[in-house]
């Protein structure tokens, strides 16, 4: 069976219409989950907990896509660039 890990993380954004974090040191790592359903539940709980702060956003990163060496990759965005 293929393992599909998902990372849930979030924090306060500089601008709620963009995805730049205000302070990277304050990013909340919720956890790594073995499937999308559990990751979604964790994401939803954190999003609802912080609903009063429009600058807070939580994300689900598909870690299993980073490990799949057979899959085509997209160009990586240049750092600070």
PDB file of N, CA and C in Angstrom:
ATOM      1  N   UNK A   1       0.843  -1.186   0.000  1.00  0.00           N
ATOM      2  CA  UNK A   1       0.000   0.000   0.000  1.00  0.00           C
ATOM      3  C   UNK A   1       0.885   1.246   0.000  1.00  0.00           C
ATOM      4  N   UNK A   2       0.540   2.217  -0.818  1.00  0.00           N
ATOM      5  CA  UNK A   2       1.282   3.459  -0.919  1.00  0.00           C
ATOM      6  C   UNK A   2       0.974   4.354   0.267  1.00  0.00           C
ATOM      7  N   UNK A   3       2.022   4.911   0.848  1.00  0.00           N
ATOM      8  CA  UNK A   3       1.843   5.836   1.975  1.00  0.00           C
ATOM      9  C   UNK A   3       1.777   7.251   1.420  1.00  0.00           C
ATOM     10  N   UNK A   4       0.761   7.990   1.800  1.00  0.00           N
ATOM     11  CA  UNK A   4       0.558   9.358   1.312  1.00  0.00           C
ATOM     12  C   UNK A   4       0.550  10.329   2.488  1.00  0.00           C
ATOM     13  N   UNK A   5       1.733  10.803   2.849  1.00  0.00           N
ATOM     14  CA  UNK A   5       1.873  11.698   4.002  1.00  0.00           C
ATOM     15  C   UNK A   5       1.463  13.125   3.648  1.00  0.00           C
ATOM     16  N   UNK A   6       0.855  13.792   4.629  1.00  0.00           N
ATOM     17  CA  UNK A   6       0.415  15.172   4.473  1.00  0.00           C
ATOM     18  C   UNK A   6       0.838  15.985   5.697  1.00  0.00           C
ATOM     19  N   UNK A   7       1.382  17.176   5.453  1.00  0.00           N
ATOM     20  CA  UNK A   7       1.803  18.093   6.506  1.00  0.00           C
ATOM     21  C   UNK A   7       0.779  19.210   6.622  1.00  0.00           C
ATOM     22  N   UNK A   8       0.325  19.486   7.843  1.00  0.00           N
ATOM     23  CA  UNK A   8      -0.585  20.604   8.095  1.00  0.00           C
ATOM     24  C   UNK A   8       0.196  21.662   8.870  1.00  0.00           C
ATOM     25  N   UNK A   9       0.204  22.872   8.339  1.00  0.00           N
ATOM     26  CA  UNK A   9       0.923  23.970   8.971  1.00  0.00           C
ATOM     27  C   UNK A   9       0.213  25.283   8.678  1.00  0.00           C
ATOM     28  N   UNK A  10       0.547  26.308   9.439  1.00  0.00           N
ATOM     29  CA  UNK A  10      -0.073  27.603   9.200  1.00  0.00           C
ATOM     30  C   UNK A  10       0.544  28.683  10.046  1.00  0.00           C
ATOM     31  N   UNK A  11       0.005  29.866   9.880  1.00  0.00           N
ATOM     32  CA  UNK A  11       0.495  31.004  10.632  1.00  0.00           C
ATOM     33  C   UNK A  11      -0.125  32.289  10.130  1.00  0.00           C
ATOM     34  N   UNK A  12       0.359  33.375  10.677  1.00  0.00           N
ATOM     35  CA  UNK A  12      -0.172  34.686  10.323  1.00  0.00           C
ATOM     36  C   UNK A  12       0.494  35.185   9.044  1.00  0.00           C
ATOM     37  N   UNK A  13      -0.314  35.654   8.107  1.00  0.00           N
ATOM     38  CA  UNK A  13       0.180  36.148   6.832  1.00  0.00           C
ATOM     39  C   UNK A  13       0.327  37.669   6.856  1.00  0.00           C
ATOM     40  N   UNK A  14       1.229  38.179   6.030  1.00  0.00           N
ATOM     41  CA  UNK A  14       1.415  39.622   5.896  1.00  0.00           C
ATOM     42  C   UNK A  14       0.149  40.233   5.307  1.00  0.00           C
ATOM     43  N   UNK A  15      -0.382  39.591   4.281  1.00  0.00           N
ATOM     44  CA  UNK A  15      -1.571  40.057   3.561  1.00  0.00           C
ATOM     45  C   UNK A  15      -2.461  38.831   3.349  1.00  0.00           C
ATOM     46  N   UNK A  16      -3.712  38.885   3.796  1.00  0.00           N
ATOM     47  CA  UNK A  16      -4.574  37.695   3.681  1.00  0.00           C
ATOM     48  C   UNK A  16      -4.862  37.240   2.245  1.00  0.00           C
ATOM     49  N   UNK A  17      -4.559  38.072   1.265  1.00  0.00           N
ATOM     50  CA  UNK A  17      -4.787  37.668  -0.125  1.00  0.00           C
ATOM     51  C   UNK A  17      -3.550  37.011  -0.748  1.00  0.00           C
ATOM     52  N   UNK A  18      -2.472  36.897   0.038  1.00  0.00           N
ATOM     53  CA  UNK A  18      -1.243  36.282  -0.446  1.00  0.00           C
ATOM     54  C   UNK A  18      -0.827  35.156   0.510  1.00  0.00           C
ATOM     55  N   UNK A  19       0.308  34.517   0.258  1.00  0.00           N
ATOM     56  CA  UNK A  19       0.729  33.403   1.112  1.00  0.00           C
ATOM     57  C   UNK A  19       2.100  33.630   1.742  1.00  0.00           C
ATOM     58  N   UNK A  20       2.454  34.885   1.999  1.00  0.00           N
ATOM     59  CA  UNK A  20       3.719  35.215   2.651  1.00  0.00           C
ATOM     60  C   UNK A  20       3.490  35.323   4.153  1.00  0.00           C
ATOM     61  N   UNK A  21       4.232  34.520   4.925  1.00  0.00           N
ATOM     62  CA  UNK A  21       4.070  34.531   6.374  1.00  0.00           C
ATOM     63  C   UNK A  21       4.701  35.781   6.985  1.00  0.00           C
ATOM     64  N   UNK A  22       4.032  36.317   7.998  1.00  0.00           N
ATOM     65  CA  UNK A  22       4.516  37.499   8.706  1.00  0.00           C
ATOM     66  C   UNK A  22       5.835  37.198   9.419  1.00  0.00           C
ATOM     67  N   UNK A  23       5.913  36.042  10.076  1.00  0.00           N
ATOM     68  CA  UNK A  23       7.116  35.648  10.800  1.00  0.00           C
ATOM     69  C   UNK A  23       7.280  34.128  10.674  1.00  0.00           C
ATOM     70  N   UNK A  24       8.253  33.715   9.900  1.00  0.00           N
ATOM     71  CA  UNK A  24       8.464  32.284   9.642  1.00  0.00           C
ATOM     72  C   UNK A  24       8.770  31.524  10.938  1.00  0.00           C
ATOM     73  N   UNK A  25       9.381  32.195  11.905  1.00  0.00           N
ATOM     74  CA  UNK A  25       9.688  31.533  13.182  1.00  0.00           C
ATOM     75  C   UNK A  25       8.434  31.167  13.964  1.00  0.00           C
ATOM     76  N   UNK A  26       7.313  31.801  13.633  1.00  0.00           N
ATOM     77  CA  UNK A  26       6.055  31.544  14.344  1.00  0.00           C
ATOM     78  C   UNK A  26       5.121  30.590  13.610  1.00  0.00           C
ATOM     79  N   UNK A  27       5.593  29.944  12.556  1.00  0.00           N
ATOM     80  CA  UNK A  27       4.740  28.994  11.826  1.00  0.00           C
ATOM     81  C   UNK A  27       4.363  27.843  12.752  1.00  0.00           C
ATOM     82  N   UNK A  28       3.085  27.532  12.765  1.00  0.00           N
ATOM     83  CA  UNK A  28       2.542  26.457  13.595  1.00  0.00           C
ATOM     84  C   UNK A  28       2.551  25.163  12.791  1.00  0.00           C
ATOM     85  N   UNK A  29       3.367  24.212  13.208  1.00  0.00           N
ATOM     86  CA  UNK A  29       3.385  22.888  12.581  1.00  0.00           C
ATOM     87  C   UNK A  29       2.376  22.029  13.339  1.00  0.00           C
ATOM     88  N   UNK A  30       1.244  21.794  12.729  1.00  0.00           N
ATOM     89  CA  UNK A  30       0.175  21.019  13.366  1.00  0.00           C
ATOM     90  C   UNK A  30       0.564  19.546  13.426  1.00  0.00           C
ATOM     91  N   UNK A  31       1.114  19.029  12.317  1.00  0.00           N
ATOM     92  CA  UNK A  31       1.541  17.640  12.318  1.00  0.00           C
ATOM     93  C   UNK A  31       1.598  17.031  10.933  1.00  0.00           C
ATOM     94  N   UNK A  32       2.086  15.802  10.896  1.00  0.00           N
ATOM     95  CA  UNK A  32       2.139  15.015   9.666  1.00  0.00           C
ATOM     96  C   UNK A  32       1.127  13.888   9.813  1.00  0.00           C
ATOM     97  N   UNK A  33       0.322  13.701   8.775  1.00  0.00           N
ATOM     98  CA  UNK A  33      -0.789  12.759   8.843  1.00  0.00           C
ATOM     99  C   UNK A  33      -0.676  11.716   7.737  1.00  0.00           C
ATOM    100  N   UNK A  34      -1.154  10.489   7.993  1.00  0.00           N
ATOM    101  CA  UNK A  34      -0.963   9.383   7.060  1.00  0.00           C
ATOM    102  C   UNK A  34      -1.895   9.395   5.842  1.00  0.00           C
ATOM    103  N   UNK A  35      -2.885  10.271   5.858  1.00  0.00           N
ATOM    104  CA  UNK A  35      -3.795  10.347   4.712  1.00  0.00           C
ATOM    105  C   UNK A  35      -4.455  11.718   4.674  1.00  0.00           C
ATOM    106  N   UNK A  36      -5.060  12.024   3.529  1.00  0.00           N
ATOM    107  CA  UNK A  36      -5.653  13.347   3.339  1.00  0.00           C
ATOM    108  C   UNK A  36      -6.821  13.593   4.289  1.00  0.00           C
ATOM    109  N   UNK A  37      -7.618  12.586   4.545  1.00  0.00           N
ATOM    110  CA  UNK A  37      -8.792  12.765   5.411  1.00  0.00           C
ATOM    111  C   UNK A  37      -8.394  13.246   6.808  1.00  0.00           C
ATOM    112  N   UNK A  38      -7.366  12.620   7.391  1.00  0.00           N
ATOM    113  CA  UNK A  38      -6.910  13.047   8.721  1.00  0.00           C
ATOM    114  C   UNK A  38      -6.277  14.430   8.667  1.00  0.00           C
ATOM    115  N   UNK A  39      -5.526  14.701   7.607  1.00  0.00           N
ATOM    116  CA  UNK A  39      -4.917  16.027   7.442  1.00  0.00           C
ATOM    117  C   UNK A  39      -5.999  17.089   7.301  1.00  0.00           C
ATOM    118  N   UNK A  40      -7.028  16.784   6.542  1.00  0.00           N
ATOM    119  CA  UNK A  40      -8.128  17.739   6.353  1.00  0.00           C
ATOM    120  C   UNK A  40      -8.835  18.019   7.676  1.00  0.00           C
ATOM    121  N   UNK A  41      -9.059  16.992   8.463  1.00  0.00           N
ATOM    122  CA  UNK A  41      -9.698  17.186   9.780  1.00  0.00           C
ATOM    123  C   UNK A  41      -8.856  18.101  10.666  1.00  0.00           C
ATOM    124  N   UNK A  42      -7.542  17.902  10.672  1.00  0.00           N
ATOM    125  CA  UNK A  42      -6.641  18.737  11.477  1.00  0.00           C
ATOM    126  C   UNK A  42      -6.620  20.164  10.936  1.00  0.00           C
ATOM    127  N   UNK A  43      -6.562  20.305   9.621  1.00  0.00           N
ATOM    128  CA  UNK A  43      -6.581  21.627   8.987  1.00  0.00           C
ATOM    129  C   UNK A  43      -7.868  22.374   9.351  1.00  0.00           C
ATOM    130  N   UNK A  44      -8.984  21.681   9.243  1.00  0.00           N
ATOM    131  CA  UNK A  44     -10.275  22.301   9.516  1.00  0.00           C
ATOM    132  C   UNK A  44     -10.377  22.751  10.975  1.00  0.00           C
ATOM    133  N   UNK A  45      -9.891  21.944  11.900  1.00  0.00           N
ATOM    134  CA  UNK A  45      -9.928  22.289  13.320  1.00  0.00           C
ATOM    135  C   UNK A  45      -9.113  23.552  13.588  1.00  0.00           C
ATOM    136  N   UNK A  46      -7.919  23.641  13.007  1.00  0.00           N
ATOM    137  CA  UNK A  46      -7.073  24.824  13.215  1.00  0.00           C
ATOM    138  C   UNK A  46      -7.665  26.046  12.529  1.00  0.00           C
ATOM    139  N   UNK A  47      -8.189  25.874  11.342  1.00  0.00           N
ATOM    140  CA  UNK A  47      -8.808  26.991  10.620  1.00  0.00           C
ATOM    141  C   UNK A  47     -10.011  27.532  11.397  1.00  0.00           C
ATOM    142  N   UNK A  48     -10.813  26.652  11.955  1.00  0.00           N
ATOM    143  CA  UNK A  48     -11.971  27.094  12.732  1.00  0.00           C
ATOM    144  C   UNK A  48     -11.547  27.736  14.053  1.00  0.00           C
ATOM    145  N   UNK A  49     -10.465  27.231  14.649  1.00  0.00           N
ATOM    146  CA  UNK A  49      -9.980  27.781  15.917  1.00  0.00           C
ATOM    147  C   UNK A  49      -9.484  29.216  15.740  1.00  0.00           C
ATOM    148  N   UNK A  50      -8.973  29.549  14.565  1.00  0.00           N
ATOM    149  CA  UNK A  50      -8.393  30.869  14.316  1.00  0.00           C
ATOM    150  C   UNK A  50      -9.248  31.722  13.386  1.00  0.00           C
ATOM    151  N   UNK A  51     -10.508  31.395  13.257  1.00  0.00           N
ATOM    152  CA  UNK A  51     -11.390  32.061  12.298  1.00  0.00           C
ATOM    153  C   UNK A  51     -11.526  33.568  12.562  1.00  0.00           C
ATOM    154  N   UNK A  52     -11.332  34.018  13.773  1.00  0.00           N
ATOM    155  CA  UNK A  52     -11.482  35.439  14.088  1.00  0.00           C
ATOM    156  C   UNK A  52     -10.303  36.288  13.617  1.00  0.00           C
ATOM    157  N   UNK A  53      -9.200  35.669  13.217  1.00  0.00           N
ATOM    158  CA  UNK A  53      -8.036  36.404  12.733  1.00  0.00           C
ATOM    159  C   UNK A  53      -7.940  36.200  11.222  1.00  0.00           C
ATOM    160  N   UNK A  54      -8.301  37.227  10.450  1.00  0.00           N
ATOM    161  CA  UNK A  54      -8.329  37.121   8.987  1.00  0.00           C
ATOM    162  C   UNK A  54      -6.951  36.869   8.380  1.00  0.00           C
ATOM    163  N   UNK A  55      -5.885  37.146   9.133  1.00  0.00           N
ATOM    164  CA  UNK A  55      -4.539  36.957   8.616  1.00  0.00           C
ATOM    165  C   UNK A  55      -3.987  35.547   8.864  1.00  0.00           C
ATOM    166  N   UNK A  56      -4.700  34.746   9.631  1.00  0.00           N
ATOM    167  CA  UNK A  56      -4.245  33.370   9.911  1.00  0.00           C
ATOM    168  C   UNK A  56      -4.717  32.435   8.808  1.00  0.00           C
ATOM    169  N   UNK A  57      -3.796  31.607   8.319  1.00  0.00           N
ATOM    170  CA  UNK A  57      -4.131  30.612   7.307  1.00  0.00           C
ATOM    171  C   UNK A  57      -3.406  29.314   7.620  1.00  0.00           C
ATOM    172  N   UNK A  58      -4.084  28.218   7.350  1.00  0.00           N
ATOM    173  CA  UNK A  58      -3.499  26.890   7.483  1.00  0.00           C
ATOM    174  C   UNK A  58      -3.515  26.215   6.120  1.00  0.00           C
ATOM    175  N   UNK A  59      -2.524  25.360   5.893  1.00  0.00           N
ATOM    176  CA  UNK A  59      -2.330  24.719   4.601  1.00  0.00           C
ATOM    177  C   UNK A  59      -2.090  23.222   4.785  1.00  0.00           C
ATOM    178  N   UNK A  60      -2.381  22.469   3.726  1.00  0.00           N
ATOM    179  CA  UNK A  60      -2.055  21.049   3.676  1.00  0.00           C
ATOM    180  C   UNK A  60      -1.020  20.868   2.568  1.00  0.00           C
ATOM    181  N   UNK A  61       0.146  20.357   2.936  1.00  0.00           N
ATOM    182  CA  UNK A  61       1.196  20.067   1.952  1.00  0.00           C
ATOM    183  C   UNK A  61       1.223  18.565   1.711  1.00  0.00           C
ATOM    184  N   UNK A  62       1.242  18.181   0.459  1.00  0.00           N
ATOM    185  CA  UNK A  62       1.234  16.772   0.079  1.00  0.00           C
ATOM    186  C   UNK A  62       2.675  16.258   0.046  1.00  0.00           C
ATOM    187  N   UNK A  63       3.164  15.794   1.193  1.00  0.00           N
ATOM    188  CA  UNK A  63       4.556  15.340   1.291  1.00  0.00           C
ATOM    189  C   UNK A  63       4.848  14.150   0.397  1.00  0.00           C
ATOM    190  N   UNK A  64       3.854  13.308   0.168  1.00  0.00           N
ATOM    191  CA  UNK A  64       4.082  12.134  -0.671  1.00  0.00           C
ATOM    192  C   UNK A  64       4.466  12.528  -2.100  1.00  0.00           C
ATOM    193  N   UNK A  65       4.061  13.690  -2.541  1.00  0.00           N
ATOM    194  CA  UNK A  65       4.428  14.147  -3.885  1.00  0.00           C
ATOM    195  C   UNK A  65       5.907  14.499  -3.959  1.00  0.00           C
ATOM    196  N   UNK A  66       6.487  14.901  -2.848  1.00  0.00           N
ATOM    197  CA  UNK A  66       7.913  15.219  -2.822  1.00  0.00           C
ATOM    198  C   UNK A  66       8.771  13.959  -2.881  1.00  0.00           C
ATOM    199  N   UNK A  67       8.232  12.832  -2.410  1.00  0.00           N
ATOM    200  CA  UNK A  67       8.979  11.579  -2.353  1.00  0.00           C
ATOM    201  C   UNK A  67       8.874  10.748  -3.617  1.00  0.00           C
ATOM    202  N   UNK A  68       7.940  11.061  -4.489  1.00  0.00           N
ATOM    203  CA  UNK A  68       7.707  10.250  -5.677  1.00  0.00           C
ATOM    204  C   UNK A  68       8.722  10.604  -6.761  1.00  0.00           C
ATOM    205  N   UNK A  69       9.780   9.839  -6.837  1.00  0.00           N
ATOM    206  CA  UNK A  69      10.851  10.127  -7.784  1.00  0.00           C
ATOM    207  C   UNK A  69      10.457   9.803  -9.220  1.00  0.00           C
ATOM    208  N   UNK A  70       9.392   9.063  -9.410  1.00  0.00           N
ATOM    209  CA  UNK A  70       8.936   8.704 -10.747  1.00  0.00           C
ATOM    210  C   UNK A  70       8.110   9.810 -11.381  1.00  0.00           C
ATOM    211  N   UNK A  71       7.491  10.657 -10.556  1.00  0.00           N
ATOM    212  CA  UNK A  71       6.585  11.689 -11.057  1.00  0.00           C
ATOM    213  C   UNK A  71       7.381  12.876 -11.612  1.00  0.00           C
ATOM    214  N   UNK A  72       6.789  13.508 -12.633  1.00  0.00           N
ATOM    215  CA  UNK A  72       7.385  14.709 -13.174  1.00  0.00           C
ATOM    216  C   UNK A  72       7.295  15.819 -12.137  1.00  0.00           C
ATOM    217  N   UNK A  73       8.329  16.629 -12.065  1.00  0.00           N
ATOM    218  CA  UNK A  73       8.326  17.723 -11.108  1.00  0.00           C
ATOM    219  C   UNK A  73       8.163  19.049 -11.833  1.00  0.00           C
ATOM    220  N   UNK A  74       7.637  20.013 -11.117  1.00  0.00           N
ATOM    221  CA  UNK A  74       7.504  21.343 -11.679  1.00  0.00           C
ATOM    222  C   UNK A  74       8.740  22.161 -11.306  1.00  0.00           C
ATOM    223  N   UNK A  75       9.023  23.231 -12.036  1.00  0.00           N
ATOM    224  CA  UNK A  75      10.177  24.063 -11.694  1.00  0.00           C
ATOM    225  C   UNK A  75      10.019  24.635 -10.282  1.00  0.00           C
ATOM    226  N   UNK A  76      11.117  24.697  -9.581  1.00  0.00           N
ATOM    227  CA  UNK A  76      11.097  25.248  -8.225  1.00  0.00           C
ATOM    228  C   UNK A  76      11.205  26.763  -8.292  1.00  0.00           C
ATOM    229  N   UNK A  77      10.411  27.405  -7.480  1.00  0.00           N
ATOM    230  CA  UNK A  77      10.438  28.865  -7.435  1.00  0.00           C
ATOM    231  C   UNK A  77      11.783  29.316  -6.846  1.00  0.00           C
ATOM    232  N   UNK A  78      12.370  30.325  -7.447  1.00  0.00           N
ATOM    233  CA  UNK A  78      13.653  30.844  -6.958  1.00  0.00           C
ATOM    234  C   UNK A  78      13.465  31.476  -5.590  1.00  0.00           C
ATOM    235  N   UNK A  79      14.401  31.220  -4.682  1.00  0.00           N
ATOM    236  CA  UNK A  79      14.352  31.800  -3.363  1.00  0.00           C
ATOM    237  C   UNK A  79      14.666  33.285  -3.422  1.00  0.00           C
ATOM    238  N   UNK A  80      13.894  34.079  -2.673  1.00  0.00           N
ATOM    239  CA  UNK A  80      14.106  35.530  -2.595  1.00  0.00           C
ATOM    240  C   UNK A  80      14.199  36.164  -3.977  1.00  0.00           C
ATOM    241  N   UNK A  81      13.465  35.626  -4.922  1.00  0.00           N
ATOM    242  CA  UNK A  81      13.707  36.130  -6.200  1.00  0.00           C
ATOM    243  C   UNK A  81      12.806  36.625  -7.142  1.00  0.00           C
TER     244      UNK A  81
END
